[in-house]
C-alpha atoms as a PDB file:
ATOM      1  CA  MET A   1       0.730  -1.956  13.400  1.00  0.00           C
ATOM      2  CA  GLU A   2       2.979   0.207  11.232  1.00  0.00           C
ATOM      3  CA  GLN A   3       4.609  -1.633   8.314  1.00  0.00           C
ATOM      4  CA  PRO A   4       6.940  -0.312   5.584  1.00  0.00           C
ATOM      5  CA  ILE A   5       5.954  -0.271   1.910  1.00  0.00           C
ATOM      6  CA  ILE A   6       8.191  -2.620  -0.105  1.00  0.00           C
ATOM      7  CA  GLY A   7       6.477  -2.476  -3.512  1.00  0.00           C
ATOM      8  CA  TYR A   8       3.298  -1.853  -5.481  1.00  0.00           C
ATOM      9  CA  HIS A   9       0.994  -3.505  -7.965  1.00  0.00           C
ATOM     10  CA  LYS A  10      -2.356  -2.732  -9.576  1.00  0.00           C
ATOM     11  CA  ASP A  11      -5.481  -4.702  -8.758  1.00  0.00           C
ATOM     12  CA  GLU A  12      -8.127  -5.966 -11.179  1.00  0.00           C
ATOM     13  CA  GLU A  13      -9.881  -2.571 -11.022  1.00  0.00           C
ATOM     14  CA  ASP A  14      -6.661  -0.710 -11.967  1.00  0.00           C
ATOM     15  CA  ASP A  15      -6.171   0.738  -8.462  1.00  0.00           C
ATOM     16  CA  TRP A  16      -2.722   0.878  -6.856  1.00  0.00           C
ATOM     17  CA  VAL A  17      -1.994  -1.502  -3.996  1.00  0.00           C
ATOM     18  CA  ALA A  18       0.966  -1.161  -1.630  1.00  0.00           C
ATOM     19  CA  GLU A  19       2.811  -4.345  -0.714  1.00  0.00           C
ATOM     20  CA  LEU A  20       3.865  -4.201   2.929  1.00  0.00           C
ATOM     21  CA  ALA A  21       6.855  -5.896   4.577  1.00  0.00           C
ATOM     22  CA  CYS A  22       4.500  -7.948   6.753  1.00  0.00           C
ATOM     23  CA  GLY A  23       3.079  -9.727   3.684  1.00  0.00           C
ATOM     24  CA  HIS A  24      -0.192  -7.808   3.537  1.00  0.00           C
ATOM     25  CA  ASN A  25      -1.493  -5.604   0.732  1.00  0.00           C
ATOM     26  CA  GLN A  26      -3.183  -2.244   1.226  1.00  0.00           C
ATOM     27  CA  HIS A  27      -4.879  -0.004  -1.349  1.00  0.00           C
ATOM     28  CA  VAL A  28      -3.301   3.430  -1.791  1.00  0.00           C
ATOM     29  CA  ARG A  29      -5.857   5.299  -3.887  1.00  0.00           C
ATOM     30  CA  HIS A  30      -5.801   8.940  -4.896  1.00  0.00           C
ATOM     31  CA  ASP A  31      -9.530   9.671  -4.876  1.00  0.00           C
ATOM     32  CA  PRO A  32     -10.161  13.341  -4.037  1.00  0.00           C
ATOM     33  CA  PRO A  33     -11.747  14.637  -1.893  1.00  0.00           C
ATOM     34  CA  TRP A  34     -11.874  11.444   0.204  1.00  0.00           C
ATOM     35  CA  GLN A  35      -8.284  10.249  -0.158  1.00  0.00           C
ATOM     36  CA  LEU A  36      -5.517  12.652  -1.131  1.00  0.00           C
ATOM     37  CA  ARG A  37      -2.518  10.675  -2.309  1.00  0.00           C
ATOM     38  CA  PRO A  38      -1.279  12.409  -5.465  1.00  0.00           C
ATOM     39  CA  TRP A  39       2.096  10.678  -5.040  1.00  0.00           C
ATOM     40  CA  VAL A  40       0.529   7.354  -6.109  1.00  0.00           C
ATOM     41  CA  THR A  41      -0.197   8.644  -9.623  1.00  0.00           C
ATOM     42  CA  THR A  42       3.440   8.701 -10.842  1.00  0.00           C
ATOM     43  CA  PRO A  43       6.288   6.164 -10.779  1.00  0.00           C
ATOM     44  CA  GLU A  44       8.505   8.760  -9.075  1.00  0.00           C
ATOM     45  CA  GLY A  45       5.888   9.434  -6.421  1.00  0.00           C
ATOM     46  CA  ARG A  46       5.428   5.753  -5.634  1.00  0.00           C
ATOM     47  CA  GLU A  47       9.184   5.175  -5.520  1.00  0.00           C
ATOM     48  CA  SER A  48       9.588   8.120  -3.128  1.00  0.00           C
ATOM     49  CA  ARG A  49       7.272   6.383  -0.643  1.00  0.00           C
ATOM     50  CA  LEU A  50       9.051   3.012  -0.578  1.00  0.00           C
ATOM     51  CA  GLY A  51      10.044   2.386   3.031  1.00  0.00           C
ATOM     52  CA  ASN A  52       7.372   4.709   4.420  1.00  0.00           C
ATOM     53  CA  LYS A  53       5.123   3.031   6.939  1.00  0.00           C
ATOM     54  CA  LEU A  54       1.376   2.497   6.743  1.00  0.00           C
ATOM     55  CA  ASP A  55      -0.885   1.339   9.538  1.00  0.00           C
ATOM     56  CA  CYS A  56      -1.651  -2.294   8.648  1.00  0.00           C
ATOM     57  CA  LYS A  57      -5.183  -3.089   9.808  1.00  0.00           C
ATOM     58  CA  LYS A  58      -4.723  -6.722   8.721  1.00  0.00           C
ATOM     59  CA  CYS A  59      -1.807  -7.135  11.152  1.00  0.00           C
ATOM     60  CA  ASN A  60      -3.931  -5.588  13.895  1.00  0.00           C
ATOM     61  CA  ARG A  61      -6.585  -8.245  13.204  1.00  0.00           C
ATOM     62  CA  ASN A  62      -4.017 -11.087  12.902  1.00  0.00           C
ATOM     63  CA  GLU A  63      -5.150 -11.881   9.341  1.00  0.00           C
ATOM     64  CA  PRO A  64      -3.147 -14.288   7.157  1.00  0.00           C
ATOM     65  CA  LYS A  65      -0.600 -12.868   4.727  1.00  0.00           C
ATOM     66  CA  ASP A  66      -1.648 -11.852   1.218  1.00  0.00           C
ATOM     67  CA  PHE A  67       1.741 -12.855  -0.257  1.00  0.00           C
ATOM     68  CA  GLN A  68       5.027 -14.472   0.714  1.00  0.00           C
ATOM     69  CA  ARG A  69       8.332 -12.589   0.425  1.00  0.00           C
END
């Protein structure tokens, strides 16, 4: 299920995590050549993606929320 990005935070391993409107978190790593997301490396890049939708696998599996809005 597609969900918009509403914010970001870093996890305990210093990787960026997108906070989705559904209450789930999803990693958004830039890890070439496997994952190409250079936008995640700058504040401007992350801000430019707010509102963009990601496919939320946790919603698809009916998992509980990671956070409350």
